[in-house]
Amino acid sequence: MPVTKLATLLPWLFLLGAGGAQGAGLACSDFLSQLGKKPAYLVYQGCQQNTERQDQPFEARYAVDGKHAQQAEAYLRRAYGLPKLKRYCCAWDSTPHSWRDRRTGYGYVLLMATGETLVRTRADWPRIERFVVQVDGYAQDP
């Protein structure tokens, strides 16, 4: 390759290399699929960045049919350490749980809950139409 062509291409090659070294960065996506083997009963609903919250997390939401809620809770406990859901007032809720992906260094906060429900026992969870799982992804420490 002639020196003039190399001199012309060198700045572009440098920029391409620098961009690749930086990494893609965290963006909205199906975080649970990216992090591991997400079961089919955790149905990805979408993601958006919440610019109104501190650190502007990416909020990925999932729906779980009540008949699969105990399986989903067990999976999230085993895979990510989610605390057991408890009944508070008129809904089932876990406390928010955070963890860090050791491969990327990104932090995540996980929550599983229902809306208002009259269901008072775990045995009756299949009567609840839908549970919601939210995974907040943070590019910087929350």
N, C-alpha and C. Protein backbone atom coordinates (compact mmCIF):
# COMPACT_ATOMS: atom_id res chain seq x y z
N MET A 1 0.86 -1.18 0.00
CA MET A 1 0.00 0.00 0.00
C MET A 1 0.90 1.24 0.00
N PRO A 2 0.67 2.18 -0.89
CA PRO A 2 1.48 3.39 -0.93
C PRO A 2 1.33 4.18 0.37
N VAL A 3 2.36 4.91 0.74
CA VAL A 3 2.39 5.68 1.98
C VAL A 3 1.26 6.70 2.02
N THR A 4 0.93 7.32 0.91
CA THR A 4 -0.12 8.34 0.90
C THR A 4 -1.48 7.73 1.23
N LYS A 5 -1.76 6.53 0.73
CA LYS A 5 -3.03 5.86 1.05
C LYS A 5 -3.08 5.50 2.53
N LEU A 6 -1.97 4.99 3.05
CA LEU A 6 -1.90 4.62 4.46
C LEU A 6 -2.08 5.85 5.34
N ALA A 7 -1.44 6.95 4.95
CA ALA A 7 -1.56 8.19 5.71
C ALA A 7 -3.01 8.69 5.71
N THR A 8 -3.72 8.47 4.63
CA THR A 8 -5.12 8.87 4.54
C THR A 8 -6.01 7.99 5.41
N LEU A 9 -5.72 6.69 5.43
CA LEU A 9 -6.55 5.75 6.18
C LEU A 9 -6.23 5.69 7.67
N LEU A 10 -5.02 6.07 8.05
CA LEU A 10 -4.58 5.93 9.44
C LEU A 10 -5.51 6.62 10.45
N PRO A 11 -5.92 7.87 10.24
CA PRO A 11 -6.83 8.49 11.22
C PRO A 11 -8.15 7.72 11.36
N TRP A 12 -8.68 7.20 10.25
CA TRP A 12 -9.94 6.44 10.31
C TRP A 12 -9.75 5.14 11.06
N LEU A 13 -8.65 4.46 10.81
CA LEU A 13 -8.36 3.22 11.53
C LEU A 13 -8.22 3.47 13.02
N PHE A 14 -7.59 4.57 13.39
CA PHE A 14 -7.45 4.93 14.79
C PHE A 14 -8.82 5.14 15.44
N LEU A 15 -9.68 5.88 14.77
CA LEU A 15 -11.02 6.14 15.32
C LEU A 15 -11.82 4.85 15.47
N LEU A 16 -11.75 3.98 14.49
CA LEU A 16 -12.46 2.70 14.58
C LEU A 16 -11.94 1.87 15.75
N GLY A 17 -10.65 1.84 15.93
CA GLY A 17 -10.06 1.08 17.03
C GLY A 17 -10.43 1.67 18.37
N ALA A 18 -10.43 2.98 18.50
CA ALA A 18 -10.78 3.62 19.77
C ALA A 18 -12.23 3.37 20.11
N GLY A 19 -13.10 3.42 19.13
CA GLY A 19 -14.52 3.16 19.38
C GLY A 19 -14.77 1.74 19.84
N GLY A 20 -14.07 0.79 19.25
CA GLY A 20 -14.23 -0.61 19.63
C GLY A 20 -13.72 -0.88 21.03
N ALA A 21 -12.67 -0.19 21.44
CA ALA A 21 -12.10 -0.40 22.76
C ALA A 21 -13.01 0.13 23.84
N GLN A 22 -13.82 1.11 23.49
CA GLN A 22 -14.71 1.71 24.46
C GLN A 22 -15.85 0.78 24.84
N GLY A 23 -16.26 -0.09 23.98
CA GLY A 23 -17.39 -0.97 24.25
C GLY A 23 -18.69 -0.32 23.83
N ALA A 24 -19.71 -1.12 23.75
CA ALA A 24 -21.00 -0.65 23.25
C ALA A 24 -21.73 0.18 24.28
N GLY A 25 -21.54 -0.05 25.57
CA GLY A 25 -22.27 0.66 26.60
C GLY A 25 -23.62 0.03 26.84
N LEU A 26 -24.21 0.35 27.96
CA LEU A 26 -25.52 -0.19 28.32
C LEU A 26 -26.61 0.55 27.57
N ALA A 27 -27.57 -0.17 27.07
CA ALA A 27 -28.71 0.41 26.37
C ALA A 27 -29.94 -0.42 26.68
N CYS A 28 -31.10 0.11 26.40
CA CYS A 28 -32.34 -0.62 26.63
C CYS A 28 -32.35 -1.92 25.86
N SER A 29 -32.77 -2.98 26.55
CA SER A 29 -32.89 -4.28 25.89
C SER A 29 -33.55 -5.25 26.85
N ASP A 30 -33.68 -6.47 26.41
CA ASP A 30 -34.20 -7.56 27.23
C ASP A 30 -33.04 -8.03 28.12
N PHE A 31 -32.87 -7.37 29.27
CA PHE A 31 -31.72 -7.64 30.14
C PHE A 31 -31.66 -9.09 30.60
N LEU A 32 -32.81 -9.67 30.94
CA LEU A 32 -32.80 -11.05 31.46
C LEU A 32 -32.33 -12.04 30.40
N SER A 33 -32.65 -11.79 29.14
CA SER A 33 -32.13 -12.66 28.07
C SER A 33 -30.63 -12.48 27.91
N GLN A 34 -30.17 -11.25 28.00
CA GLN A 34 -28.74 -10.98 27.85
C GLN A 34 -27.93 -11.58 29.00
N LEU A 35 -28.51 -11.58 30.20
CA LEU A 35 -27.77 -12.02 31.39
C LEU A 35 -27.75 -13.53 31.56
N GLY A 36 -28.68 -14.23 30.96
CA GLY A 36 -28.72 -15.68 31.15
C GLY A 36 -29.84 -16.31 30.36
N LYS A 37 -30.19 -17.52 30.75
CA LYS A 37 -31.24 -18.26 30.06
C LYS A 37 -32.60 -17.90 30.66
N LYS A 38 -33.24 -16.93 30.05
CA LYS A 38 -34.54 -16.46 30.55
C LYS A 38 -35.62 -17.46 30.17
N PRO A 39 -36.41 -17.92 31.15
CA PRO A 39 -37.52 -18.83 30.83
C PRO A 39 -38.58 -18.13 29.97
N ALA A 40 -39.28 -18.90 29.17
CA ALA A 40 -40.29 -18.36 28.26
C ALA A 40 -41.45 -17.69 28.99
N TYR A 41 -41.72 -18.11 30.23
CA TYR A 41 -42.86 -17.52 30.96
C TYR A 41 -42.56 -16.11 31.46
N LEU A 42 -41.31 -15.64 31.39
CA LEU A 42 -40.98 -14.24 31.67
C LEU A 42 -41.04 -13.51 30.33
N VAL A 43 -42.16 -12.85 30.07
CA VAL A 43 -42.42 -12.27 28.75
C VAL A 43 -41.98 -10.80 28.73
N TYR A 44 -40.99 -10.53 27.91
CA TYR A 44 -40.45 -9.18 27.77
C TYR A 44 -41.52 -8.25 27.20
N GLN A 45 -41.74 -7.11 27.87
CA GLN A 45 -42.76 -6.14 27.46
C GLN A 45 -42.18 -4.89 26.82
N GLY A 46 -40.89 -4.67 27.01
CA GLY A 46 -40.27 -3.48 26.46
C GLY A 46 -39.34 -2.81 27.46
N CYS A 47 -38.70 -1.76 27.00
CA CYS A 47 -37.72 -1.06 27.83
C CYS A 47 -37.72 0.41 27.45
N GLN A 48 -37.47 1.25 28.44
CA GLN A 48 -37.30 2.67 28.16
C GLN A 48 -36.38 3.27 29.21
N GLN A 49 -35.70 4.33 28.83
CA GLN A 49 -34.84 5.01 29.79
C GLN A 49 -35.69 6.02 30.55
N ASN A 50 -35.58 6.02 31.87
CA ASN A 50 -36.34 6.94 32.70
C ASN A 50 -35.46 8.12 33.05
N THR A 51 -35.58 9.19 32.30
CA THR A 51 -34.74 10.37 32.51
C THR A 51 -35.18 11.19 33.72
N GLU A 52 -36.33 10.85 34.32
CA GLU A 52 -36.82 11.56 35.49
C GLU A 52 -36.20 11.03 36.79
N ARG A 53 -35.64 9.82 36.74
CA ARG A 53 -35.04 9.22 37.94
C ARG A 53 -33.55 9.50 38.01
N GLN A 54 -33.03 9.49 39.24
CA GLN A 54 -31.61 9.68 39.44
C GLN A 54 -30.84 8.59 38.68
N ASP A 55 -29.75 8.94 38.07
CA ASP A 55 -28.90 8.06 37.27
C ASP A 55 -29.58 7.56 36.00
N GLN A 56 -30.80 7.99 35.73
CA GLN A 56 -31.52 7.70 34.48
C GLN A 56 -31.42 6.24 34.04
N PRO A 57 -31.95 5.32 34.87
CA PRO A 57 -31.82 3.89 34.53
C PRO A 57 -32.65 3.50 33.30
N PHE A 58 -32.23 2.40 32.70
CA PHE A 58 -33.01 1.77 31.64
C PHE A 58 -33.94 0.78 32.34
N GLU A 59 -35.24 0.90 32.13
CA GLU A 59 -36.24 0.07 32.82
C GLU A 59 -36.83 -0.96 31.86
N ALA A 60 -36.45 -2.21 32.06
CA ALA A 60 -37.00 -3.30 31.25
C ALA A 60 -38.13 -3.95 32.05
N ARG A 61 -39.27 -4.17 31.41
CA ARG A 61 -40.44 -4.73 32.10
C ARG A 61 -40.81 -6.08 31.48
N TYR A 62 -41.29 -6.95 32.36
CA TYR A 62 -41.68 -8.30 31.98
C TYR A 62 -43.03 -8.61 32.62
N ALA A 63 -43.81 -9.45 31.96
CA ALA A 63 -45.08 -9.92 32.51
C ALA A 63 -44.96 -11.42 32.77
N VAL A 64 -45.61 -11.85 33.85
CA VAL A 64 -45.63 -13.27 34.21
C VAL A 64 -47.07 -13.63 34.54
N ASP A 65 -47.60 -14.62 33.87
CA ASP A 65 -48.94 -15.13 34.17
C ASP A 65 -48.92 -15.71 35.58
N GLY A 66 -50.01 -15.51 36.33
CA GLY A 66 -50.09 -16.00 37.70
C GLY A 66 -49.79 -17.48 37.85
N LYS A 67 -50.15 -18.28 36.85
CA LYS A 67 -49.91 -19.72 36.96
C LYS A 67 -48.42 -20.06 36.90
N HIS A 68 -47.58 -19.11 36.44
CA HIS A 68 -46.13 -19.33 36.38
C HIS A 68 -45.37 -18.49 37.42
N ALA A 69 -46.09 -17.78 38.28
CA ALA A 69 -45.45 -16.85 39.20
C ALA A 69 -44.50 -17.54 40.18
N GLN A 70 -44.90 -18.70 40.71
CA GLN A 70 -44.01 -19.39 41.65
C GLN A 70 -42.73 -19.86 40.95
N GLN A 71 -42.85 -20.33 39.71
CA GLN A 71 -41.66 -20.72 38.94
C GLN A 71 -40.77 -19.50 38.68
N ALA A 72 -41.38 -18.38 38.32
CA ALA A 72 -40.62 -17.16 38.03
C ALA A 72 -39.90 -16.68 39.29
N GLU A 73 -40.61 -16.68 40.41
CA GLU A 73 -39.99 -16.26 41.66
C GLU A 73 -38.80 -17.16 41.99
N ALA A 74 -38.98 -18.47 41.86
CA ALA A 74 -37.89 -19.42 42.16
C ALA A 74 -36.69 -19.19 41.23
N TYR A 75 -36.96 -18.97 39.95
CA TYR A 75 -35.87 -18.70 39.00
C TYR A 75 -35.12 -17.43 39.37
N LEU A 76 -35.86 -16.34 39.66
CA LEU A 76 -35.23 -15.06 39.97
C LEU A 76 -34.47 -15.12 41.30
N ARG A 77 -34.97 -15.92 42.24
CA ARG A 77 -34.25 -16.11 43.51
C ARG A 77 -32.94 -16.85 43.26
N ARG A 78 -33.01 -17.92 42.51
CA ARG A 78 -31.83 -18.76 42.24
C ARG A 78 -30.80 -18.02 41.38
N ALA A 79 -31.25 -17.37 40.33
CA ALA A 79 -30.33 -16.74 39.37
C ALA A 79 -29.79 -15.39 39.84
N TYR A 80 -30.61 -14.62 40.57
CA TYR A 80 -30.22 -13.25 40.90
C TYR A 80 -30.34 -12.89 42.37
N GLY A 81 -30.85 -13.80 43.20
CA GLY A 81 -30.95 -13.53 44.63
C GLY A 81 -32.16 -12.71 45.04
N LEU A 82 -33.19 -12.65 44.20
CA LEU A 82 -34.40 -11.90 44.53
C LEU A 82 -34.99 -12.41 45.85
N PRO A 83 -35.33 -11.52 46.79
CA PRO A 83 -36.00 -11.97 48.02
C PRO A 83 -37.40 -12.52 47.72
N LYS A 84 -37.89 -13.39 48.59
CA LYS A 84 -39.25 -13.95 48.43
C LYS A 84 -40.28 -12.83 48.44
N LEU A 85 -41.30 -12.99 47.63
CA LEU A 85 -42.39 -12.02 47.64
C LEU A 85 -43.18 -12.16 48.94
N LYS A 86 -43.65 -11.02 49.44
CA LYS A 86 -44.49 -11.00 50.64
C LYS A 86 -45.73 -10.19 50.32
N ARG A 87 -46.76 -10.47 51.08
CA ARG A 87 -48.00 -9.72 50.90
C ARG A 87 -47.96 -8.50 51.82
N TYR A 88 -48.14 -7.33 51.24
CA TYR A 88 -48.22 -6.08 51.98
C TYR A 88 -49.55 -5.45 51.63
N CYS A 89 -50.37 -5.20 52.62
CA CYS A 89 -51.68 -4.57 52.42
C CYS A 89 -52.51 -5.34 51.41
N CYS A 90 -52.42 -4.95 50.18
CA CYS A 90 -53.31 -5.49 49.16
C CYS A 90 -52.58 -5.93 47.90
N ALA A 91 -51.29 -6.25 48.02
CA ALA A 91 -50.51 -6.68 46.85
C ALA A 91 -49.36 -7.58 47.30
N TRP A 92 -48.81 -8.32 46.36
CA TRP A 92 -47.61 -9.13 46.59
C TRP A 92 -46.43 -8.36 46.01
N ASP A 93 -45.31 -8.38 46.75
CA ASP A 93 -44.19 -7.54 46.37
C ASP A 93 -42.89 -8.12 46.92
N SER A 94 -41.83 -8.04 46.15
CA SER A 94 -40.50 -8.33 46.69
C SER A 94 -39.88 -7.00 47.06
N THR A 95 -38.89 -7.02 47.89
CA THR A 95 -38.14 -5.79 48.09
C THR A 95 -37.19 -5.67 46.90
N PRO A 96 -36.86 -4.46 46.48
CA PRO A 96 -35.92 -4.32 45.36
C PRO A 96 -34.58 -4.98 45.71
N HIS A 97 -34.01 -5.65 44.75
CA HIS A 97 -32.75 -6.37 44.97
C HIS A 97 -31.75 -5.94 43.90
N SER A 98 -30.54 -5.62 44.33
CA SER A 98 -29.54 -5.19 43.35
C SER A 98 -28.41 -6.20 43.23
N TRP A 99 -27.82 -6.23 42.07
CA TRP A 99 -26.65 -7.07 41.81
C TRP A 99 -25.86 -6.47 40.67
N ARG A 100 -24.63 -6.94 40.52
CA ARG A 100 -23.74 -6.44 39.47
C ARG A 100 -23.33 -7.59 38.56
N ASP A 101 -23.38 -7.34 37.27
CA ASP A 101 -22.90 -8.31 36.29
C ASP A 101 -21.37 -8.24 36.29
N ARG A 102 -20.73 -9.32 36.71
CA ARG A 102 -19.27 -9.32 36.82
C ARG A 102 -18.57 -9.19 35.47
N ARG A 103 -19.23 -9.60 34.41
CA ARG A 103 -18.61 -9.51 33.08
C ARG A 103 -18.54 -8.07 32.59
N THR A 104 -19.60 -7.29 32.84
CA THR A 104 -19.66 -5.93 32.30
C THR A 104 -19.44 -4.85 33.35
N GLY A 105 -19.70 -5.18 34.61
CA GLY A 105 -19.61 -4.19 35.68
C GLY A 105 -20.88 -3.38 35.85
N TYR A 106 -21.90 -3.61 35.01
CA TYR A 106 -23.14 -2.85 35.12
C TYR A 106 -23.95 -3.33 36.31
N GLY A 107 -24.63 -2.37 36.97
CA GLY A 107 -25.49 -2.70 38.10
C GLY A 107 -26.94 -2.79 37.66
N TYR A 108 -27.69 -3.68 38.34
CA TYR A 108 -29.10 -3.88 38.04
C TYR A 108 -29.89 -3.92 39.33
N VAL A 109 -31.13 -3.47 39.28
CA VAL A 109 -32.06 -3.58 40.40
C VAL A 109 -33.28 -4.33 39.89
N LEU A 110 -33.70 -5.35 40.64
CA LEU A 110 -34.77 -6.26 40.23
C LEU A 110 -35.92 -6.17 41.23
N LEU A 111 -37.14 -6.20 40.72
CA LEU A 111 -38.34 -6.15 41.54
C LEU A 111 -39.41 -7.01 40.88
N MET A 112 -40.17 -7.75 41.70
CA MET A 112 -41.32 -8.53 41.20
C MET A 112 -42.51 -8.18 42.07
N ALA A 113 -43.66 -7.93 41.46
CA ALA A 113 -44.83 -7.49 42.21
C ALA A 113 -46.12 -7.76 41.45
N THR A 114 -47.23 -7.58 42.16
CA THR A 114 -48.56 -7.60 41.54
C THR A 114 -49.18 -6.23 41.71
N GLY A 115 -50.30 -6.02 41.03
CA GLY A 115 -51.13 -4.88 41.35
C GLY A 115 -51.99 -5.27 42.55
N GLU A 116 -52.97 -4.46 42.86
CA GLU A 116 -53.88 -4.81 43.96
C GLU A 116 -54.56 -6.14 43.69
N THR A 117 -54.65 -6.96 44.73
CA THR A 117 -55.29 -8.26 44.59
C THR A 117 -55.88 -8.71 45.92
N LEU A 118 -56.96 -9.47 45.84
CA LEU A 118 -57.57 -10.05 47.04
C LEU A 118 -56.91 -11.38 47.41
N VAL A 119 -56.06 -11.90 46.54
CA VAL A 119 -55.39 -13.18 46.79
C VAL A 119 -54.43 -13.03 47.97
N ARG A 120 -54.62 -13.91 48.98
CA ARG A 120 -53.84 -13.79 50.21
C ARG A 120 -52.82 -14.90 50.42
N THR A 121 -52.90 -15.97 49.63
CA THR A 121 -51.97 -17.09 49.84
C THR A 121 -51.22 -17.39 48.54
N ARG A 122 -50.02 -17.92 48.71
CA ARG A 122 -49.21 -18.31 47.55
C ARG A 122 -49.90 -19.40 46.73
N ALA A 123 -50.61 -20.27 47.41
CA ALA A 123 -51.30 -21.36 46.71
C ALA A 123 -52.32 -20.81 45.70
N ASP A 124 -52.80 -19.61 45.95
CA ASP A 124 -53.79 -18.99 45.05
C ASP A 124 -53.18 -18.05 44.00
N TRP A 125 -51.87 -18.00 43.91
CA TRP A 125 -51.24 -17.13 42.91
C TRP A 125 -51.75 -17.39 41.49
N PRO A 126 -52.08 -18.61 41.11
CA PRO A 126 -52.60 -18.81 39.75
C PRO A 126 -53.88 -18.01 39.46
N ARG A 127 -54.57 -17.57 40.50
CA ARG A 127 -55.77 -16.74 40.30
C ARG A 127 -55.42 -15.29 39.94
N ILE A 128 -54.18 -14.90 40.18
CA ILE A 128 -53.75 -13.54 39.83
C ILE A 128 -53.42 -13.53 38.34
N GLU A 129 -54.03 -12.61 37.63
CA GLU A 129 -53.85 -12.58 36.18
C GLU A 129 -52.40 -12.34 35.77
N ARG A 130 -51.74 -11.37 36.44
CA ARG A 130 -50.41 -10.98 35.97
C ARG A 130 -49.53 -10.48 37.11
N PHE A 131 -48.30 -10.91 37.10
CA PHE A 131 -47.24 -10.35 37.94
C PHE A 131 -46.35 -9.52 37.03
N VAL A 132 -45.70 -8.53 37.59
CA VAL A 132 -44.80 -7.68 36.82
C VAL A 132 -43.39 -7.83 37.39
N VAL A 133 -42.43 -7.95 36.52
CA VAL A 133 -41.01 -7.96 36.91
C VAL A 133 -40.38 -6.75 36.23
N GLN A 134 -39.64 -5.98 37.01
CA GLN A 134 -38.93 -4.84 36.42
C GLN A 134 -37.45 -5.00 36.73
N VAL A 135 -36.63 -4.81 35.71
CA VAL A 135 -35.17 -4.84 35.85
C VAL A 135 -34.65 -3.48 35.41
N ASP A 136 -34.08 -2.75 36.36
CA ASP A 136 -33.49 -1.44 36.04
C ASP A 136 -32.00 -1.63 35.80
N GLY A 137 -31.52 -1.18 34.67
CA GLY A 137 -30.10 -1.28 34.33
C GLY A 137 -29.43 0.07 34.49
N TYR A 138 -28.29 0.07 35.16
CA TYR A 138 -27.55 1.31 35.42
C TYR A 138 -26.17 1.23 34.77
N ALA A 139 -25.88 2.19 33.90
CA ALA A 139 -24.56 2.25 33.28
C ALA A 139 -23.53 2.74 34.30
N GLN A 140 -24.00 3.50 35.30
CA GLN A 140 -23.15 3.96 36.40
C GLN A 140 -23.77 3.47 37.69
N ASP A 141 -23.02 3.48 38.77
CA ASP A 141 -23.55 2.99 40.04
C ASP A 141 -24.78 3.77 40.47
N PRO A 142 -25.84 3.03 40.88
CA PRO A 142 -27.05 3.72 41.37
C PRO A 142 -26.79 4.32 42.74
